[in-house]
Structures are given as structure tokens and as C-alpha cells.
Amino acid sequence: MQEYDEKRDYIRMGIDCNLTYRLADSDIIKTGRCTSLSGAGVSFITDSHYDSGLAMEINILPENSTTAPMAAFIETVRSTPQQDGSFEIAASIKSLK
């Protein structure tokens, strides 16, 4: 049996819910699908590529009433192309709104 040593400061939680986001210098709100969340980061799927270091504001919209919505300011870390033409955006959470 192999042991797994978690190197992250926060455990990543897989989730599947809608989110909205906007670039820091824009009023245009876009949509995506949140795929994971931790105390320090978030990843989501969207139809656009974004460069590393880009500032955004996100709003995670859970699909059940037992989980509260979350608004945060993030900075993109990477944008990974997916087979269907979408992009997985990984970002660090800079602050909660």
C-alpha cells in the first residue's frame, strides 16, 4: 500500500456548479462551471483562454440551498485546453468578497 502525502495547505474538494466571473477591468459577466475548490484556489471550465496573472472576480452559485454562494477575487494560474474546445482555468483565491 502506498502512502499519499498531501502537499497542499488546503484539501481540494471536487464540486460541480455554475459560476459567473468578470475580468477586473470589465463589466462583462461571463459564465463557467466550477470543478474544484479549496481554501486557496479554484478551478472552472469556460469557453475562453486566459493568461496567467489575470485578475478576476468570481461568484460560485451552488445548486442547493444548504451551501452558501461564494464571491472572491482570484488570479489565474493556468489555462488548460480541453478536448471539447473549452478551457480549464486554475486560479488562486486572493480574497473573499
C-alpha atoms as a PDB file:
ATOM      1  CA  MET A   1       0.000   0.000   0.000  1.00  0.00           C
ATOM      2  CA  GLN A   2       1.378   3.395  -0.988  1.00  0.00           C
ATOM      3  CA  GLU A   3       1.083   6.319   1.342  1.00  0.00           C
ATOM      4  CA  TYR A   4      -0.024   9.653  -0.057  1.00  0.00           C
ATOM      5  CA  ASP A   5       1.445  12.774   1.463  1.00  0.00           C
ATOM      6  CA  GLU A   6      -0.834  15.771   0.819  1.00  0.00           C
ATOM      7  CA  LYS A   7       1.412  18.662  -0.158  1.00  0.00           C
ATOM      8  CA  ARG A   8      -1.323  21.284  -0.317  1.00  0.00           C
ATOM      9  CA  ASP A   9      -2.156  23.621   2.547  1.00  0.00           C
ATOM     10  CA  TYR A  10      -5.873  23.001   1.888  1.00  0.00           C
ATOM     11  CA  ILE A  11      -7.668  19.881   0.693  1.00  0.00           C
ATOM     12  CA  ARG A  12      -9.188  20.273  -2.777  1.00  0.00           C
ATOM     13  CA  MET A  13     -12.906  19.477  -2.974  1.00  0.00           C
ATOM     14  CA  GLY A  14     -14.447  18.384  -6.256  1.00  0.00           C
ATOM     15  CA  ILE A  15     -17.647  20.275  -6.988  1.00  0.00           C
ATOM     16  CA  ASP A  16     -19.919  20.762  -9.977  1.00  0.00           C
ATOM     17  CA  CYS A  17     -21.863  24.012 -10.028  1.00  0.00           C
ATOM     18  CA  ASN A  18     -22.295  27.179 -12.060  1.00  0.00           C
ATOM     19  CA  LEU A  19     -20.237  30.283 -11.541  1.00  0.00           C
ATOM     20  CA  THR A  20     -20.088  33.735 -13.015  1.00  0.00           C
ATOM     21  CA  TYR A  21     -16.913  35.735 -13.483  1.00  0.00           C
ATOM     22  CA  ARG A  22     -15.674  39.006 -14.823  1.00  0.00           C
ATOM     23  CA  LEU A  23     -12.249  40.377 -15.556  1.00  0.00           C
ATOM     24  CA  ALA A  24     -11.073  43.015 -13.086  1.00  0.00           C
ATOM     25  CA  ASP A  25     -11.163  45.770 -15.721  1.00  0.00           C
ATOM     26  CA  SER A  26     -14.513  44.803 -17.270  1.00  0.00           C
ATOM     27  CA  ASP A  27     -18.228  44.955 -16.523  1.00  0.00           C
ATOM     28  CA  ILE A  28     -18.976  41.990 -18.816  1.00  0.00           C
ATOM     29  CA  ILE A  29     -20.148  38.969 -16.812  1.00  0.00           C
ATOM     30  CA  LYS A  30     -19.403  35.517 -18.243  1.00  0.00           C
ATOM     31  CA  THR A  31     -20.384  32.040 -17.079  1.00  0.00           C
ATOM     32  CA  GLY A  32     -18.496  28.840 -16.371  1.00  0.00           C
ATOM     33  CA  ARG A  33     -18.724  25.568 -14.488  1.00  0.00           C
ATOM     34  CA  CYS A  34     -16.782  25.242 -11.219  1.00  0.00           C
ATOM     35  CA  THR A  35     -14.979  21.881 -10.932  1.00  0.00           C
ATOM     36  CA  SER A  36     -12.930  22.162  -7.733  1.00  0.00           C
ATOM     37  CA  LEU A  37     -12.496  24.432  -4.753  1.00  0.00           C
ATOM     38  CA  SER A  38     -10.077  24.662  -1.840  1.00  0.00           C
ATOM     39  CA  GLY A  39      -9.223  27.250   0.780  1.00  0.00           C
ATOM     40  CA  ALA A  40      -6.557  28.674  -1.529  1.00  0.00           C
ATOM     41  CA  GLY A  41      -7.755  28.022  -5.068  1.00  0.00           C
ATOM     42  CA  VAL A  42     -10.472  27.251  -7.557  1.00  0.00           C
ATOM     43  CA  SER A  43     -10.755  25.687 -10.995  1.00  0.00           C
ATOM     44  CA  PHE A  44     -13.508  26.104 -13.535  1.00  0.00           C
ATOM     45  CA  ILE A  45     -14.374  25.343 -17.138  1.00  0.00           C
ATOM     46  CA  THR A  46     -15.155  28.143 -19.575  1.00  0.00           C
ATOM     47  CA  ASP A  47     -15.066  28.817 -23.308  1.00  0.00           C
ATOM     48  CA  SER A  48     -12.154  31.302 -23.214  1.00  0.00           C
ATOM     49  CA  HIS A  49      -8.407  31.105 -22.623  1.00  0.00           C
ATOM     50  CA  TYR A  50      -6.918  33.484 -20.035  1.00  0.00           C
ATOM     51  CA  ASP A  51      -3.244  34.240 -19.422  1.00  0.00           C
ATOM     52  CA  SER A  52      -1.584  33.622 -16.056  1.00  0.00           C
ATOM     53  CA  GLY A  53      -1.676  36.534 -13.629  1.00  0.00           C
ATOM     54  CA  LEU A  54      -5.043  37.877 -14.785  1.00  0.00           C
ATOM     55  CA  ALA A  55      -7.271  39.266 -12.004  1.00  0.00           C
ATOM     56  CA  MET A  56     -10.944  38.247 -11.909  1.00  0.00           C
ATOM     57  CA  GLU A  57     -13.946  38.348  -9.633  1.00  0.00           C
ATOM     58  CA  ILE A  58     -15.966  35.117  -9.354  1.00  0.00           C
ATOM     59  CA  ASN A  59     -19.324  34.190  -7.853  1.00  0.00           C
ATOM     60  CA  ILE A  60     -19.902  30.496  -7.190  1.00  0.00           C
ATOM     61  CA  LEU A  61     -23.581  29.581  -7.333  1.00  0.00           C
ATOM     62  CA  PRO A  62     -24.330  26.268  -5.542  1.00  0.00           C
ATOM     63  CA  GLU A  63     -27.336  24.326  -6.771  1.00  0.00           C
ATOM     64  CA  ASN A  64     -28.652  23.507  -3.304  1.00  0.00           C
ATOM     65  CA  SER A  65     -29.821  25.739  -0.512  1.00  0.00           C
ATOM     66  CA  THR A  66     -27.581  24.132   2.129  1.00  0.00           C
ATOM     67  CA  THR A  67     -24.417  25.630   0.604  1.00  0.00           C
ATOM     68  CA  ALA A  68     -23.971  29.384   0.620  1.00  0.00           C
ATOM     69  CA  PRO A  69     -22.831  31.246  -2.520  1.00  0.00           C
ATOM     70  CA  MET A  70     -19.242  32.491  -2.524  1.00  0.00           C
ATOM     71  CA  ALA A  71     -17.760  35.623  -4.081  1.00  0.00           C
ATOM     72  CA  ALA A  72     -13.996  36.025  -4.366  1.00  0.00           C
ATOM     73  CA  PHE A  73     -11.194  37.837  -6.116  1.00  0.00           C
ATOM     74  CA  ILE A  74      -8.840  35.443  -7.919  1.00  0.00           C
ATOM     75  CA  GLU A  75      -5.678  35.430 -10.005  1.00  0.00           C
ATOM     76  CA  THR A  76      -5.323  32.951 -12.856  1.00  0.00           C
ATOM     77  CA  VAL A  77      -2.513  30.409 -12.605  1.00  0.00           C
ATOM     78  CA  ARG A  78      -3.040  28.454 -15.834  1.00  0.00           C
ATOM     79  CA  SER A  79      -5.468  27.829 -18.664  1.00  0.00           C
ATOM     80  CA  THR A  80      -5.568  24.246 -19.964  1.00  0.00           C
ATOM     81  CA  PRO A  81      -7.299  23.410 -23.279  1.00  0.00           C
ATOM     82  CA  GLN A  82      -9.895  20.627 -23.055  1.00  0.00           C
ATOM     83  CA  GLN A  83     -10.823  18.128 -25.793  1.00  0.00           C
ATOM     84  CA  ASP A  84     -14.188  19.805 -26.392  1.00  0.00           C
ATOM     85  CA  GLY A  85     -12.613  23.224 -27.122  1.00  0.00           C
ATOM     86  CA  SER A  86     -13.262  24.677 -23.672  1.00  0.00           C
ATOM     87  CA  PHE A  87     -10.560  25.655 -21.157  1.00  0.00           C
ATOM     88  CA  GLU A  88      -9.959  24.672 -17.542  1.00  0.00           C
ATOM     89  CA  ILE A  89      -8.910  27.759 -15.610  1.00  0.00           C
ATOM     90  CA  ALA A  90      -6.931  27.230 -12.401  1.00  0.00           C
ATOM     91  CA  ALA A  91      -6.671  30.222 -10.092  1.00  0.00           C
ATOM     92  CA  SER A  92      -5.537  31.210  -6.635  1.00  0.00           C
ATOM     93  CA  ILE A  93      -8.018  32.915  -4.327  1.00  0.00           C
ATOM     94  CA  LYS A  94      -6.654  36.297  -3.294  1.00  0.00           C
ATOM     95  CA  SER A  95      -9.555  37.395  -1.060  1.00  0.00           C
ATOM     96  CA  LEU A  96     -13.207  36.730  -0.349  1.00  0.00           C
ATOM     97  CA  LYS A  97     -15.708  39.421  -1.140  1.00  0.00           C
END
